[in-house]
Amino acid sequence: MHEKMISFVEILRGMDKASSTVDEYEKGLKLYSSWLESQDLEPADVTTRELQRYLGWLKAEKGYAPKTIRLKFVAVNQFHQDLASTGDGETNPAEDVTVTDYAPKRTRKEESSKERRHWLSKEDVEKLVKNVPSPQVRNRLIVLFQYFTGLRRQEVCDVKISDLDREQRKAQVRGKNGKVHTAKWQPKLDGLLTAWLDMGHRDASPYARESDFLFVTESGPQLSGSHLNNIVKQAAENAGIQEVVYVNAGGSNQYKITSHTLRHSFAMHWLENGGSLEGLSKNLAHSSVTTTEIYGEILEERASEEYEQFAPDVNFSF
């Protein structure tokens, strides 16, 4: 990586930024540095035209999805902004680049499904629960626990038995950036939770005694996020409601229904039931209600589409 980029990353690490964010910047700059070297270019000599060529290379040669391209270009933009501010570059050449010309804000999955978020109807959630693979008690509990709480999949996997307040039906959850928040669930979950914890189903795992986690498996003391995701994808397949929305650059199928679909479903059903955006933002543990507003926008768009299809109409002349 170019020495100026190394220096820039070192400065970022000394700032109040999440280490994961700085790691992503570093990955993006390593790729950019490699491309500059292949083009025999120095960072200070880069123009807007070169950055447009770089974006085209990310899209056509590397085959990156739009979201990945945008993420990697953020690091490039910030780097050139820093160069300009320190006098190592006259201006920031990224300022005049329209990134969405190369990486539209709709992802491949969104373009394929024509949706920014996919969610299940309540009937399809019920189908999902009924068609989970074995072991059914655990897997039905997993699906309903994520749906009723609206948690991210890793948050579900990280819940410990000691985090639960079964009487109040809530759990203390460690979320993004170590933020702790409270998740709640419906009384309907009590039966499955009792069966899992008190009637021997969890204890059937050889790792049950040594594990503090709510969800254990036959092969380990903690359910992984990928395992949880596979449970949901398989249940959707079994229920006949799964579909492939696109094939990624690596040749792998990307499915319409994943574990994150349950979080989206929680959000949309909350709003459909009359809940507020502010309340939803709190329960989803979003850092800002602005993040949650996408769900409100989706409801408004759907209402507009449904007006065209379902609004009352009569024939008359004047």
C-alpha atoms as a PDB file:
ATOM      1  CA  MET A   1       0.000   0.000   0.000  1.00  0.00           C
ATOM      2  CA  HIS A   2       1.254   3.501  -0.849  1.00  0.00           C
ATOM      3  CA  GLU A   3       3.088   5.213   2.017  1.00  0.00           C
ATOM      4  CA  LYS A   4       0.623   8.124   2.096  1.00  0.00           C
ATOM      5  CA  MET A   5      -2.253   5.668   2.466  1.00  0.00           C
ATOM      6  CA  ILE A   6      -0.443   3.875   5.280  1.00  0.00           C
ATOM      7  CA  SER A   7      -0.042   7.219   7.051  1.00  0.00           C
ATOM      8  CA  PHE A   8      -3.719   8.059   6.477  1.00  0.00           C
ATOM      9  CA  VAL A   9      -4.857   4.733   7.983  1.00  0.00           C
ATOM     10  CA  GLU A  10      -2.588   5.229  11.002  1.00  0.00           C
ATOM     11  CA  ILE A  11      -4.223   8.614  11.619  1.00  0.00           C
ATOM     12  CA  LEU A  12      -7.681   7.055  11.366  1.00  0.00           C
ATOM     13  CA  ARG A  13      -6.760   4.441  13.961  1.00  0.00           C
ATOM     14  CA  GLY A  14      -5.945   7.214  16.396  1.00  0.00           C
ATOM     15  CA  MET A  15      -9.345   8.802  15.927  1.00  0.00           C
ATOM     16  CA  ASP A  16     -12.687   7.927  17.496  1.00  0.00           C
ATOM     17  CA  LYS A  17     -13.688   5.477  14.792  1.00  0.00           C
ATOM     18  CA  ALA A  18     -14.780   1.857  15.076  1.00  0.00           C
ATOM     19  CA  SER A  19     -11.907  -0.521  14.330  1.00  0.00           C
ATOM     20  CA  SER A  20     -14.122  -2.366  11.832  1.00  0.00           C
ATOM     21  CA  THR A  21     -14.632   0.894   9.902  1.00  0.00           C
ATOM     22  CA  VAL A  22     -10.896   1.585   9.749  1.00  0.00           C
ATOM     23  CA  ASP A  23     -10.292  -2.027   8.647  1.00  0.00           C
ATOM     24  CA  GLU A  24     -12.705  -1.516   5.732  1.00  0.00           C
ATOM     25  CA  TYR A  25     -10.924   1.724   4.784  1.00  0.00           C
ATOM     26  CA  GLU A  26      -7.613  -0.110   4.816  1.00  0.00           C
ATOM     27  CA  LYS A  27      -8.939  -2.899   2.585  1.00  0.00           C
ATOM     28  CA  GLY A  28     -10.344  -0.359   0.148  1.00  0.00           C
ATOM     29  CA  LEU A  29      -7.090   1.593  -0.002  1.00  0.00           C
ATOM     30  CA  LYS A  30      -4.985  -1.533  -0.497  1.00  0.00           C
ATOM     31  CA  LEU A  31      -7.073  -2.363  -3.548  1.00  0.00           C
ATOM     32  CA  TYR A  32      -6.879   1.222  -4.808  1.00  0.00           C
ATOM     33  CA  SER A  33      -3.107   1.348  -4.254  1.00  0.00           C
ATOM     34  CA  SER A  34      -2.681  -1.855  -6.253  1.00  0.00           C
ATOM     35  CA  TRP A  35      -4.696  -0.392  -9.130  1.00  0.00           C
ATOM     36  CA  LEU A  36      -2.701   2.853  -9.091  1.00  0.00           C
ATOM     37  CA  GLU A  37       0.518   0.863  -9.277  1.00  0.00           C
ATOM     38  CA  SER A  38      -0.786  -1.109 -12.271  1.00  0.00           C
ATOM     39  CA  GLN A  39      -1.570   2.208 -13.977  1.00  0.00           C
ATOM     40  CA  ASP A  40       1.796   3.748 -13.017  1.00  0.00           C
ATOM     41  CA  LEU A  41       0.025   6.557 -11.150  1.00  0.00           C
ATOM     42  CA  GLU A  42       0.865   8.459  -7.982  1.00  0.00           C
ATOM     43  CA  PRO A  43      -2.037   9.506  -5.695  1.00  0.00           C
ATOM     44  CA  ALA A  44      -1.275  13.209  -6.185  1.00  0.00           C
ATOM     45  CA  ASP A  45      -1.539  12.823  -9.970  1.00  0.00           C
ATOM     46  CA  VAL A  46      -4.992  11.217  -9.973  1.00  0.00           C
ATOM     47  CA  THR A  47      -7.749  13.103 -11.788  1.00  0.00           C
ATOM     48  CA  THR A  48     -11.506  12.690 -11.889  1.00  0.00           C
ATOM     49  CA  ARG A  49     -11.143  10.753 -15.148  1.00  0.00           C
ATOM     50  CA  GLU A  50      -8.795   8.234 -13.493  1.00  0.00           C
ATOM     51  CA  LEU A  51     -11.264   7.703 -10.644  1.00  0.00           C
ATOM     52  CA  GLN A  52     -14.030   7.097 -13.168  1.00  0.00           C
ATOM     53  CA  ARG A  53     -11.823   4.469 -14.788  1.00  0.00           C
ATOM     54  CA  TYR A  54     -11.188   2.935 -11.369  1.00  0.00           C
ATOM     55  CA  LEU A  55     -14.911   2.671 -10.669  1.00  0.00           C
ATOM     56  CA  GLY A  56     -15.409   1.067 -14.073  1.00  0.00           C
ATOM     57  CA  TRP A  57     -12.659  -1.421 -13.215  1.00  0.00           C
ATOM     58  CA  LEU A  58     -14.317  -2.295  -9.896  1.00  0.00           C
ATOM     59  CA  LYS A  59     -17.586  -2.916 -11.699  1.00  0.00           C
ATOM     60  CA  ALA A  60     -16.479  -4.611 -14.926  1.00  0.00           C
ATOM     61  CA  GLU A  61     -13.214  -6.327 -14.036  1.00  0.00           C
ATOM     62  CA  LYS A  62     -13.706  -7.151 -10.355  1.00  0.00           C
ATOM     63  CA  GLY A  63     -17.440  -7.766 -10.675  1.00  0.00           C
ATOM     64  CA  TYR A  64     -18.262  -6.102  -7.369  1.00  0.00           C
ATOM     65  CA  ALA A  65     -21.847  -5.433  -6.366  1.00  0.00           C
ATOM     66  CA  PRO A  66     -22.924  -1.749  -6.203  1.00  0.00           C
ATOM     67  CA  LYS A  67     -22.911  -1.692  -2.405  1.00  0.00           C
ATOM     68  CA  THR A  68     -19.318  -3.015  -2.335  1.00  0.00           C
ATOM     69  CA  ILE A  69     -18.195  -0.455  -4.915  1.00  0.00           C
ATOM     70  CA  ARG A  70     -19.704   2.397  -2.927  1.00  0.00           C
ATOM     71  CA  LEU A  71     -18.104   1.128   0.282  1.00  0.00           C
ATOM     72  CA  LYS A  72     -14.648   0.880  -1.283  1.00  0.00           C
ATOM     73  CA  PHE A  73     -14.937   4.293  -2.902  1.00  0.00           C
ATOM     74  CA  VAL A  74     -15.718   5.943   0.438  1.00  0.00           C
ATOM     75  CA  ALA A  75     -12.148   5.169   1.503  1.00  0.00           C
ATOM     76  CA  VAL A  76     -10.758   6.579  -1.756  1.00  0.00           C
ATOM     77  CA  ASN A  77     -12.806   9.757  -1.407  1.00  0.00           C
ATOM     78  CA  GLN A  78     -11.729  10.304   2.200  1.00  0.00           C
ATOM     79  CA  PHE A  79      -8.088   9.658   1.307  1.00  0.00           C
ATOM     80  CA  HIS A  80      -8.081  12.242  -1.492  1.00  0.00           C
ATOM     81  CA  GLN A  81      -9.932  14.692   0.708  1.00  0.00           C
ATOM     82  CA  ASP A  82      -7.173  14.292   3.282  1.00  0.00           C
ATOM     83  CA  LEU A  83      -4.498  14.782   0.609  1.00  0.00           C
ATOM     84  CA  ALA A  84      -6.143  18.034  -0.492  1.00  0.00           C
ATOM     85  CA  SER A  85      -6.459  19.305   3.069  1.00  0.00           C
ATOM     86  CA  THR A  86      -2.749  18.705   3.778  1.00  0.00           C
ATOM     87  CA  GLY A  87      -1.601  20.327   0.520  1.00  0.00           C
ATOM     88  CA  ASP A  88      -0.436  17.087  -1.104  1.00  0.00           C
ATOM     89  CA  GLY A  89      -3.133  17.476  -3.718  1.00  0.00           C
ATOM     90  CA  GLU A  90      -4.627  20.618  -5.245  1.00  0.00           C
ATOM     91  CA  THR A  91      -8.235  19.420  -5.008  1.00  0.00           C
ATOM     92  CA  ASN A  92     -10.145  16.255  -4.244  1.00  0.00           C
ATOM     93  CA  PRO A  93     -10.726  14.588  -7.654  1.00  0.00           C
ATOM     94  CA  ALA A  94     -13.495  12.454  -6.147  1.00  0.00           C
ATOM     95  CA  GLU A  95     -15.726  15.485  -5.615  1.00  0.00           C
ATOM     96  CA  ASP A  96     -16.795  15.516  -9.259  1.00  0.00           C
ATOM     97  CA  VAL A  97     -17.391  11.771  -9.512  1.00  0.00           C
ATOM     98  CA  THR A  98     -20.983  10.547  -9.550  1.00  0.00           C
ATOM     99  CA  VAL A  99     -20.565   7.172  -7.898  1.00  0.00           C
ATOM    100  CA  THR A 100     -24.168   6.123  -8.575  1.00  0.00           C
ATOM    101  CA  ASP A 101     -23.380   6.120 -12.317  1.00  0.00           C
ATOM    102  CA  TYR A 102     -21.297   3.012 -11.579  1.00  0.00           C
ATOM    103  CA  ALA A 103     -22.926   1.736  -8.394  1.00  0.00           C
ATOM    104  CA  PRO A 104     -26.656   2.526  -8.136  1.00  0.00           C
ATOM    105  CA  LYS A 105     -28.013   2.679  -4.618  1.00  0.00           C
ATOM    106  CA  ARG A 106     -30.230  -0.304  -5.262  1.00  0.00           C
ATOM    107  CA  THR A 107     -28.298  -3.536  -4.682  1.00  0.00           C
ATOM    108  CA  ARG A 108     -28.289  -6.520  -7.031  1.00  0.00           C
ATOM    109  CA  LYS A 109     -30.769  -8.234  -4.781  1.00  0.00           C
ATOM    110  CA  GLU A 110     -32.972  -5.148  -4.776  1.00  0.00           C
ATOM    111  CA  GLU A 111     -32.787  -4.822  -8.558  1.00  0.00           C
ATOM    112  CA  SER A 112     -33.641  -8.496  -8.987  1.00  0.00           C
ATOM    113  CA  SER A 113     -36.544  -8.511  -6.553  1.00  0.00           C
ATOM    114  CA  LYS A 114     -37.562  -4.871  -7.247  1.00  0.00           C
ATOM    115  CA  GLU A 115     -37.663  -4.313  -3.503  1.00  0.00           C
ATOM    116  CA  ARG A 116     -35.407  -2.408  -1.091  1.00  0.00           C
ATOM    117  CA  ARG A 117     -36.568  -4.672   1.724  1.00  0.00           C
ATOM    118  CA  HIS A 118     -38.333  -7.995   1.522  1.00  0.00           C
ATOM    119  CA  TRP A 119     -40.656  -9.084   4.279  1.00  0.00           C
ATOM    120  CA  LEU A 120     -43.022 -11.965   4.869  1.00  0.00           C
ATOM    121  CA  SER A 121     -46.742 -11.829   5.345  1.00  0.00           C
ATOM    122  CA  LYS A 122     -47.937 -13.120   8.696  1.00  0.00           C
ATOM    123  CA  GLU A 123     -49.226 -16.210   6.882  1.00  0.00           C
ATOM    124  CA  ASP A 124     -45.776 -16.872   5.411  1.00  0.00           C
ATOM    125  CA  VAL A 125     -44.154 -16.478   8.840  1.00  0.00           C
ATOM    126  CA  GLU A 126     -46.509 -19.217  10.040  1.00  0.00           C
ATOM    127  CA  LYS A 127     -45.530 -21.394   7.057  1.00  0.00           C
ATOM    128  CA  LEU A 128     -41.873 -20.818   7.865  1.00  0.00           C
ATOM    129  CA  VAL A 129     -42.351 -21.924  11.476  1.00  0.00           C
ATOM    130  CA  LYS A 130     -44.234 -25.062  10.451  1.00  0.00           C
ATOM    131  CA  ASN A 131     -41.574 -26.119   7.948  1.00  0.00           C
ATOM    132  CA  VAL A 132     -38.310 -25.723   9.867  1.00  0.00           C
ATOM    133  CA  PRO A 133     -35.807 -28.566   9.555  1.00  0.00           C
ATOM    134  CA  SER A 134     -34.997 -30.786  12.554  1.00  0.00           C
ATOM    135  CA  PRO A 135     -34.636 -30.352  15.474  1.00  0.00           C
ATOM    136  CA  GLN A 136     -38.027 -28.697  15.255  1.00  0.00           C
ATOM    137  CA  VAL A 137     -38.452 -27.434  18.818  1.00  0.00           C
ATOM    138  CA  ARG A 138     -35.166 -25.549  18.737  1.00  0.00           C
ATOM    139  CA  ASN A 139     -35.559 -24.293  15.186  1.00  0.00           C
ATOM    140  CA  ARG A 140     -39.143 -23.132  15.639  1.00  0.00           C
ATOM    141  CA  LEU A 141     -38.025 -21.287  18.739  1.00  0.00           C
ATOM    142  CA  ILE A 142     -35.140 -19.703  16.835  1.00  0.00           C
ATOM    143  CA  VAL A 143     -37.379 -18.463  14.003  1.00  0.00           C
ATOM    144  CA  LEU A 144     -40.043 -17.106  16.332  1.00  0.00           C
ATOM    145  CA  PHE A 145     -37.503 -15.629  18.745  1.00  0.00           C
ATOM    146  CA  GLN A 146     -35.940 -13.591  15.947  1.00  0.00           C
ATOM    147  CA  TYR A 147     -39.330 -12.608  14.520  1.00  0.00           C
ATOM    148  CA  PHE A 148     -40.872 -11.582  17.861  1.00  0.00           C
ATOM    149  CA  THR A 149     -37.776  -9.659  19.021  1.00  0.00           C
ATOM    150  CA  GLY A 150     -36.684  -8.173  15.689  1.00  0.00           C
ATOM    151  CA  LEU A 151     -33.058  -8.954  16.526  1.00  0.00           C
ATOM    152  CA  ARG A 152     -30.202  -9.304  14.073  1.00  0.00           C
ATOM    153  CA  ARG A 153     -29.102 -12.902  13.605  1.00  0.00           C
ATOM    154  CA  GLN A 154     -25.808 -12.542  15.487  1.00  0.00           C
ATOM    155  CA  GLU A 155     -27.645 -10.874  18.346  1.00  0.00           C
ATOM    156  CA  VAL A 156     -29.902 -13.940  18.537  1.00  0.00           C
ATOM    157  CA  CYS A 157     -26.867 -16.229  18.603  1.00  0.00           C
ATOM    158  CA  ASP A 158     -25.194 -14.164  21.339  1.00  0.00           C
ATOM    159  CA  VAL A 159     -28.133 -14.278  23.784  1.00  0.00           C
ATOM    160  CA  LYS A 160     -27.222 -16.136  26.988  1.00  0.00           C
ATOM    161  CA  ILE A 161     -29.641 -17.831  29.363  1.00  0.00           C
ATOM    162  CA  SER A 162     -28.615 -15.345  32.038  1.00  0.00           C
ATOM    163  CA  ASP A 163     -29.759 -12.514  29.742  1.00  0.00           C
ATOM    164  CA  LEU A 164     -33.363 -13.721  29.880  1.00  0.00           C
ATOM    165  CA  ASP A 165     -36.085 -12.434  32.156  1.00  0.00           C
ATOM    166  CA  ARG A 166     -38.723 -15.020  31.377  1.00  0.00           C
ATOM    167  CA  GLU A 167     -41.296 -13.553  33.732  1.00  0.00           C
ATOM    168  CA  GLN A 168     -41.111 -10.128  32.069  1.00  0.00           C
ATOM    169  CA  ARG A 169     -40.481 -11.697  28.625  1.00  0.00           C
ATOM    170  CA  LYS A 170     -37.396  -9.660  27.814  1.00  0.00           C
ATOM    171  CA  ALA A 171     -33.679 -10.119  27.287  1.00  0.00           C
ATOM    172  CA  GLN A 172     -30.610  -7.926  27.560  1.00  0.00           C
ATOM    173  CA  VAL A 173     -28.915  -8.020  24.183  1.00  0.00           C
ATOM    174  CA  ARG A 174     -25.430  -7.009  23.091  1.00  0.00           C
ATOM    175  CA  GLY A 175     -25.799  -5.342  19.717  1.00  0.00           C
ATOM    176  CA  LYS A 176     -23.634  -3.408  17.276  1.00  0.00           C
ATOM    177  CA  ASN A 177     -20.551  -1.722  18.723  1.00  0.00           C
ATOM    178  CA  GLY A 178     -21.200  -3.361  22.096  1.00  0.00           C
ATOM    179  CA  LYS A 179     -24.423  -1.417  22.641  1.00  0.00           C
ATOM    180  CA  VAL A 180     -26.729  -3.149  25.132  1.00  0.00           C
ATOM    181  CA  HIS A 181     -30.476  -2.915  24.599  1.00  0.00           C
ATOM    182  CA  THR A 182     -33.623  -4.730  25.676  1.00  0.00           C
ATOM    183  CA  ALA A 183     -35.542  -7.096  23.423  1.00  0.00           C
ATOM    184  CA  LYS A 184     -39.043  -8.348  24.195  1.00  0.00           C
ATOM    185  CA  TRP A 185     -41.139 -11.270  23.002  1.00  0.00           C
ATOM    186  CA  GLN A 186     -44.762 -12.320  22.833  1.00  0.00           C
ATOM    187  CA  PRO A 187     -46.433 -14.664  25.380  1.00  0.00           C
ATOM    188  CA  LYS A 188     -47.008 -17.113  22.507  1.00  0.00           C
ATOM    189  CA  LEU A 189     -43.315 -17.979  22.720  1.00  0.00           C
ATOM    190  CA  ASP A 190     -43.519 -19.243  26.309  1.00  0.00           C
ATOM    191  CA  GLY A 191     -44.460 -22.817  25.422  1.00  0.00           C
ATOM    192  CA  LEU A 192     -41.537 -23.351  23.047  1.00  0.00           C
ATOM    193  CA  LEU A 193     -39.132 -21.615  25.418  1.00  0.00           C
ATOM    194  CA  THR A 194     -40.276 -23.867  28.274  1.00  0.00           C
ATOM    195  CA  ALA A 195     -39.918 -26.978  26.118  1.00  0.00           C
ATOM    196  CA  TRP A 196     -36.420 -25.942  25.039  1.00  0.00           C
ATOM    197  CA  LEU A 197     -35.088 -24.961  28.450  1.00  0.00           C
ATOM    198  CA  ASP A 198     -37.070 -27.061  30.936  1.00  0.00           C
ATOM    199  CA  MET A 199     -38.150 -30.232  29.161  1.00  0.00           C
ATOM    200  CA  GLY A 200     -34.830 -31.666  28.009  1.00  0.00           C
ATOM    201  CA  HIS A 201     -34.569 -30.435  24.418  1.00  0.00           C
ATOM    202  CA  ARG A 202     -31.628 -28.119  25.035  1.00  0.00           C
ATOM    203  CA  ASP A 203     -30.026 -30.654  27.384  1.00  0.00           C
ATOM    204  CA  ALA A 204     -29.921 -33.173  24.513  1.00  0.00           C
ATOM    205  CA  SER A 205     -26.936 -31.289  23.122  1.00  0.00           C
ATOM    206  CA  PRO A 206     -23.615 -32.635  24.468  1.00  0.00           C
ATOM    207  CA  TYR A 207     -22.532 -28.998  24.886  1.00  0.00           C
ATOM    208  CA  ALA A 208     -25.545 -27.866  26.917  1.00  0.00           C
ATOM    209  CA  ARG A 209     -23.928 -28.041  30.365  1.00  0.00           C
ATOM    210  CA  GLU A 210     -20.778 -26.159  29.424  1.00  0.00           C
ATOM    211  CA  SER A 211     -22.544 -23.465  27.410  1.00  0.00           C
ATOM    212  CA  ASP A 212     -24.051 -20.199  28.673  1.00  0.00           C
ATOM    213  CA  PHE A 213     -25.780 -19.506  25.368  1.00  0.00           C
ATOM    214  CA  LEU A 214     -29.502 -19.910  24.811  1.00  0.00           C
ATOM    215  CA  PHE A 215     -29.074 -21.716  21.502  1.00  0.00           C
ATOM    216  CA  VAL A 216     -26.641 -24.629  21.356  1.00  0.00           C
ATOM    217  CA  THR A 217     -26.196 -27.243  18.643  1.00  0.00           C
ATOM    218  CA  GLU A 218     -25.207 -30.886  18.484  1.00  0.00           C
ATOM    219  CA  SER A 219     -21.729 -29.858  17.336  1.00  0.00           C
ATOM    220  CA  GLY A 220     -20.949 -26.755  19.389  1.00  0.00           C
ATOM    221  CA  PRO A 221     -21.751 -24.608  22.441  1.00  0.00           C
ATOM    222  CA  GLN A 222     -23.155 -21.709  20.390  1.00  0.00           C
ATOM    223  CA  LEU A 223     -25.325 -21.442  17.314  1.00  0.00           C
ATOM    224  CA  SER A 224     -23.546 -19.524  14.540  1.00  0.00           C
ATOM    225  CA  GLY A 225     -25.088 -16.784  12.422  1.00  0.00           C
ATOM    226  CA  SER A 226     -24.604 -18.797   9.245  1.00  0.00           C
ATOM    227  CA  HIS A 227     -26.315 -21.824  10.835  1.00  0.00           C
ATOM    228  CA  LEU A 228     -29.274 -19.663  11.847  1.00  0.00           C
ATOM    229  CA  ASN A 229     -29.456 -18.252   8.323  1.00  0.00           C
ATOM    230  CA  ASN A 230     -29.428 -21.746   6.827  1.00  0.00           C
ATOM    231  CA  ILE A 231     -32.296 -22.797   9.102  1.00  0.00           C
ATOM    232  CA  VAL A 232     -34.459 -19.956   7.787  1.00  0.00           C
ATOM    233  CA  LYS A 233     -33.479 -20.524   4.155  1.00  0.00           C
ATOM    234  CA  GLN A 234     -34.222 -24.248   4.423  1.00  0.00           C
ATOM    235  CA  ALA A 235     -37.559 -23.623   6.144  1.00  0.00           C
ATOM    236  CA  ALA A 236     -38.554 -21.253   3.321  1.00  0.00           C
ATOM    237  CA  GLU A 237     -37.523 -23.888   0.785  1.00  0.00           C
ATOM    238  CA  ASN A 238     -39.557 -26.546   2.603  1.00  0.00           C
ATOM    239  CA  ALA A 239     -42.555 -24.198   2.718  1.00  0.00           C
ATOM    240  CA  GLY A 240     -42.379 -23.517  -1.011  1.00  0.00           C
ATOM    241  CA  ILE A 241     -41.862 -19.768  -0.581  1.00  0.00           C
ATOM    242  CA  GLN A 242     -38.134 -19.535  -1.298  1.00  0.00           C
ATOM    243  CA  GLU A 243     -36.569 -18.253  -4.518  1.00  0.00           C
ATOM    244  CA  VAL A 244     -33.153 -17.322  -5.897  1.00  0.00           C
ATOM    245  CA  VAL A 245     -33.022 -13.592  -6.676  1.00  0.00           C
ATOM    246  CA  TYR A 246     -29.578 -13.493  -8.287  1.00  0.00           C
ATOM    247  CA  VAL A 247     -26.229 -15.268  -8.533  1.00  0.00           C
ATOM    248  CA  ASN A 248     -23.326 -13.287  -7.065  1.00  0.00           C
ATOM    249  CA  ALA A 249     -19.908 -12.737  -8.610  1.00  0.00           C
ATOM    250  CA  GLY A 250     -18.614 -15.871  -6.911  1.00  0.00           C
ATOM    251  CA  GLY A 251     -21.329 -18.016  -8.496  1.00  0.00           C
ATOM    252  CA  SER A 252     -23.339 -18.528  -5.291  1.00  0.00           C
ATOM    253  CA  ASN A 253     -27.110 -18.262  -5.162  1.00  0.00           C
ATOM    254  CA  GLN A 254     -28.516 -15.310  -3.205  1.00  0.00           C
ATOM    255  CA  TYR A 255     -31.907 -16.120  -1.711  1.00  0.00           C
ATOM    256  CA  LYS A 256     -34.944 -13.919  -1.232  1.00  0.00           C
ATOM    257  CA  ILE A 257     -35.757 -15.209   2.254  1.00  0.00           C
ATOM    258  CA  THR A 258     -32.968 -15.182   4.829  1.00  0.00           C
ATOM    259  CA  SER A 259     -32.853 -14.702   8.575  1.00  0.00           C
ATOM    260  CA  HIS A 260     -32.703 -10.928   8.078  1.00  0.00           C
ATOM    261  CA  THR A 261     -36.101 -11.178   6.366  1.00  0.00           C
ATOM    262  CA  LEU A 262     -37.533 -11.912   9.822  1.00  0.00           C
ATOM    263  CA  ARG A 263     -36.164  -8.586  11.116  1.00  0.00           C
ATOM    264  CA  HIS A 264     -37.706  -6.763   8.150  1.00  0.00           C
ATOM    265  CA  SER A 265     -40.969  -8.608   8.763  1.00  0.00           C
ATOM    266  CA  PHE A 266     -40.973  -7.519  12.406  1.00  0.00           C
ATOM    267  CA  ALA A 267     -40.534  -3.906  11.282  1.00  0.00           C
ATOM    268  CA  MET A 268     -43.232  -3.919   8.600  1.00  0.00           C
ATOM    269  CA  HIS A 269     -45.784  -5.728  10.765  1.00  0.00           C
ATOM    270  CA  TRP A 270     -45.080  -3.238  13.570  1.00  0.00           C
ATOM    271  CA  LEU A 271     -45.976  -0.324  11.295  1.00  0.00           C
ATOM    272  CA  GLU A 272     -48.915  -2.132   9.706  1.00  0.00           C
ATOM    273  CA  ASN A 273     -50.302  -2.656  13.211  1.00  0.00           C
ATOM    274  CA  GLY A 274     -50.126   1.102  13.841  1.00  0.00           C
ATOM    275  CA  GLY A 275     -46.838   1.312  15.755  1.00  0.00           C
ATOM    276  CA  SER A 276     -44.735   4.483  15.551  1.00  0.00           C
ATOM    277  CA  LEU A 277     -41.400   4.901  13.786  1.00  0.00           C
ATOM    278  CA  GLU A 278     -39.885   6.116  17.057  1.00  0.00           C
ATOM    279  CA  GLY A 279     -41.023   2.987  18.890  1.00  0.00           C
ATOM    280  CA  LEU A 280     -39.817   0.777  16.057  1.00  0.00           C
ATOM    281  CA  SER A 281     -36.422   2.499  16.031  1.00  0.00           C
ATOM    282  CA  LYS A 282     -36.061   1.802  19.752  1.00  0.00           C
ATOM    283  CA  ASN A 283     -37.003  -1.861  19.400  1.00  0.00           C
ATOM    284  CA  LEU A 284     -34.695  -2.382  16.420  1.00  0.00           C
ATOM    285  CA  ALA A 285     -31.878  -0.652  18.366  1.00  0.00           C
ATOM    286  CA  HIS A 286     -31.164   1.707  15.486  1.00  0.00           C
ATOM    287  CA  SER A 287     -28.727   4.489  16.339  1.00  0.00           C
ATOM    288  CA  SER A 288     -31.058   7.018  14.709  1.00  0.00           C
ATOM    289  CA  VAL A 289     -34.723   7.072  13.694  1.00  0.00           C
ATOM    290  CA  THR A 290     -33.469   8.173  10.266  1.00  0.00           C
ATOM    291  CA  THR A 291     -32.317   4.592   9.677  1.00  0.00           C
ATOM    292  CA  THR A 292     -35.805   3.339  10.499  1.00  0.00           C
ATOM    293  CA  GLU A 293     -37.569   5.740   8.144  1.00  0.00           C
ATOM    294  CA  ILE A 294     -36.923   3.447   5.174  1.00  0.00           C
ATOM    295  CA  TYR A 295     -39.730   1.207   6.441  1.00  0.00           C
ATOM    296  CA  GLY A 296     -42.144   4.136   6.549  1.00  0.00           C
ATOM    297  CA  GLU A 297     -41.158   5.065   2.995  1.00  0.00           C
ATOM    298  CA  ILE A 298     -41.865   1.521   1.852  1.00  0.00           C
ATOM    299  CA  LEU A 299     -45.350   1.616   3.378  1.00  0.00           C
ATOM    300  CA  GLU A 300     -46.054   4.942   1.684  1.00  0.00           C
ATOM    301  CA  GLU A 301     -44.885   3.583  -1.682  1.00  0.00           C
ATOM    302  CA  ARG A 302     -47.043   0.504  -1.284  1.00  0.00           C
ATOM    303  CA  ALA A 303     -50.052   2.631  -0.324  1.00  0.00           C
ATOM    304  CA  SER A 304     -49.559   4.677  -3.495  1.00  0.00           C
ATOM    305  CA  GLU A 305     -49.315   1.546  -5.636  1.00  0.00           C
ATOM    306  CA  GLU A 306     -52.389   0.046  -3.981  1.00  0.00           C
ATOM    307  CA  TYR A 307     -54.353   3.243  -4.633  1.00  0.00           C
ATOM    308  CA  GLU A 308     -53.876   2.752  -8.364  1.00  0.00           C
ATOM    309  CA  GLN A 309     -55.089  -0.829  -8.066  1.00  0.00           C
ATOM    310  CA  PHE A 310     -57.778  -0.717  -5.398  1.00  0.00           C
ATOM    311  CA  ALA A 311     -59.115   2.841  -5.034  1.00  0.00           C
ATOM    312  CA  PRO A 312     -62.929   3.184  -5.502  1.00  0.00           C
ATOM    313  CA  ASP A 313     -64.002   4.311  -8.949  1.00  0.00           C
ATOM    314  CA  VAL A 314     -67.259   4.960 -10.824  1.00  0.00           C
ATOM    315  CA  ASN A 315     -68.138   5.797 -14.391  1.00  0.00           C
ATOM    316  CA  PHE A 316     -69.637   9.202 -14.996  1.00  0.00           C
ATOM    317  CA  SER A 317     -69.695  11.902 -17.636  1.00  0.00           C
ATOM    318  CA  PHE A 318     -70.092  15.652 -17.578  1.00  0.00           C
END
